[in-house]
C-alpha atoms as a PDB file:
ATOM      1  CA  MET A   1      31.706 -12.137  33.853  1.00  0.00           C
ATOM      2  CA  THR A   2      30.020 -14.108  36.612  1.00  0.00           C
ATOM      3  CA  ASN A   3      31.846 -16.239  39.167  1.00  0.00           C
ATOM      4  CA  LEU A   4      30.645 -19.397  37.432  1.00  0.00           C
ATOM      5  CA  GLN A   5      31.989 -18.172  34.089  1.00  0.00           C
ATOM      6  CA  LYS A   6      35.349 -17.369  35.749  1.00  0.00           C
ATOM      7  CA  LEU A   7      35.496 -20.899  37.167  1.00  0.00           C
ATOM      8  CA  GLY A   8      34.632 -22.400  33.776  1.00  0.00           C
ATOM      9  CA  ALA A   9      37.317 -20.311  32.062  1.00  0.00           C
ATOM     10  CA  MET A  10      39.906 -21.380  34.646  1.00  0.00           C
ATOM     11  CA  LEU A  11      38.990 -25.055  34.174  1.00  0.00           C
ATOM     12  CA  ASN A  12      39.220 -24.708  30.386  1.00  0.00           C
ATOM     13  CA  LYS A  13      42.686 -23.169  30.791  1.00  0.00           C
ATOM     14  CA  CYS A  14      43.717 -26.158  32.911  1.00  0.00           C
ATOM     15  CA  TYR A  15      42.422 -28.743  30.465  1.00  0.00           C
ATOM     16  CA  PHE A  16      43.338 -27.156  27.125  1.00  0.00           C
ATOM     17  CA  GLU A  17      46.439 -25.046  27.903  1.00  0.00           C
ATOM     18  CA  GLY A  18      47.843 -26.935  30.882  1.00  0.00           C
ATOM     19  CA  LYS A  19      47.958 -23.791  33.051  1.00  0.00           C
ATOM     20  CA  MET A  20      46.895 -24.553  36.608  1.00  0.00           C
ATOM     21  CA  PRO A  21      46.564 -22.130  39.531  1.00  0.00           C
ATOM     22  CA  LYS A  22      49.421 -22.062  42.022  1.00  0.00           C
ATOM     23  CA  CYS A  23      49.309 -24.690  44.772  1.00  0.00           C
ATOM     24  CA  ALA A  24      46.599 -26.678  42.925  1.00  0.00           C
ATOM     25  CA  THR A  25      46.918 -30.363  42.112  1.00  0.00           C
ATOM     26  CA  MET A  26      44.976 -32.417  39.597  1.00  0.00           C
ATOM     27  CA  ALA A  27      42.857 -33.693  42.499  1.00  0.00           C
ATOM     28  CA  ASP A  28      41.909 -30.081  43.312  1.00  0.00           C
ATOM     29  CA  ILE A  29      41.001 -29.496  39.657  1.00  0.00           C
ATOM     30  CA  ALA A  30      38.735 -32.566  39.781  1.00  0.00           C
ATOM     31  CA  VAL A  31      37.031 -31.170  42.911  1.00  0.00           C
ATOM     32  CA  LEU A  32      36.593 -27.798  41.197  1.00  0.00           C
ATOM     33  CA  GLN A  33      35.091 -29.542  38.150  1.00  0.00           C
ATOM     34  CA  CYS A  34      32.557 -31.305  40.382  1.00  0.00           C
ATOM     35  CA  CYS A  35      31.745 -27.973  42.055  1.00  0.00           C
ATOM     36  CA  TYR A  36      31.299 -26.333  38.662  1.00  0.00           C
ATOM     37  CA  ASN A  37      28.938 -29.083  37.510  1.00  0.00           C
ATOM     38  CA  ALA A  38      26.854 -28.844  40.694  1.00  0.00           C
ATOM     39  CA  LEU A  39      26.728 -25.039  40.646  1.00  0.00           C
ATOM     40  CA  SER A  40      25.627 -25.030  37.005  1.00  0.00           C
ATOM     41  CA  GLU A  41      22.705 -27.260  38.066  1.00  0.00           C
ATOM     42  CA  LYS A  42      21.814 -24.754  40.860  1.00  0.00           C
ATOM     43  CA  LYS A  43      22.983 -27.145  43.602  1.00  0.00           C
ATOM     44  CA  ARG A  44      25.242 -26.409  46.581  1.00  0.00           C
ATOM     45  CA  PRO A  45      28.370 -28.580  46.403  1.00  0.00           C
ATOM     46  CA  GLU A  46      30.337 -29.657  49.467  1.00  0.00           C
ATOM     47  CA  LEU A  47      34.108 -30.085  49.533  1.00  0.00           C
ATOM     48  CA  ILE A  48      36.955 -30.818  51.943  1.00  0.00           C
ATOM     49  CA  SER A  49      39.893 -29.583  49.847  1.00  0.00           C
ATOM     50  CA  LEU A  50      41.473 -26.459  51.370  1.00  0.00           C
ATOM     51  CA  SER A  51      43.195 -25.502  48.115  1.00  0.00           C
ATOM     52  CA  ALA A  52      39.938 -25.753  46.160  1.00  0.00           C
ATOM     53  CA  LYS A  53      38.161 -23.728  48.859  1.00  0.00           C
ATOM     54  CA  ASN A  54      40.761 -20.969  48.626  1.00  0.00           C
ATOM     55  CA  ILE A  55      40.527 -20.871  44.822  1.00  0.00           C
ATOM     56  CA  LEU A  56      36.729 -20.601  44.986  1.00  0.00           C
ATOM     57  CA  GLU A  57      36.935 -17.805  47.571  1.00  0.00           C
ATOM     58  CA  ASN A  58      39.427 -15.906  45.406  1.00  0.00           C
ATOM     59  CA  MET A  59      36.971 -16.148  42.500  1.00  0.00           C
ATOM     60  CA  GLY A  60      34.231 -14.544  44.599  1.00  0.00           C
ATOM     61  CA  PHE A  61      32.180 -17.544  45.703  1.00  0.00           C
ATOM     62  CA  THR A  62      30.810 -17.632  49.239  1.00  0.00           C
ATOM     63  CA  VAL A  63      32.140 -20.682  51.070  1.00  0.00           C
ATOM     64  CA  ALA A  64      30.696 -21.568  54.498  1.00  0.00           C
ATOM     65  CA  PRO A  65      31.865 -24.207  56.993  1.00  0.00           C
ATOM     66  CA  LYS A  66      29.845 -27.409  57.129  1.00  0.00           C
ATOM     67  CA  GLY A  67      30.888 -30.468  59.100  1.00  0.00           C
ATOM     68  CA  VAL A  68      34.546 -31.267  58.404  1.00  0.00           C
ATOM     69  CA  GLY A  69      34.538 -29.281  55.160  1.00  0.00           C
ATOM     70  CA  TRP A  70      32.764 -26.446  53.408  1.00  0.00           C
ATOM     71  CA  ILE A  71      29.678 -25.782  51.315  1.00  0.00           C
ATOM     72  CA  VAL A  72      29.717 -23.450  48.313  1.00  0.00           C
ATOM     73  CA  ILE A  73      26.962 -20.869  48.139  1.00  0.00           C
ATOM     74  CA  CYS A  74      26.744 -19.186  44.750  1.00  0.00           C
END
């Protein structure tokens, strides 16, 4: 299972089963959804949410600092 598939499965669990990762809010889930959409289009999304960054790193994505936030490198 690729990192993108893991992220998609986690988002589906949030939306359909109501099970969210620890320390994640609905705003973080919205950021992760935007990241998922951008990554599926082969783009590099940027984010400023620390919780979303930590979740992406735990899933195996490479996250690099950029400006006041981070950029996700698949």
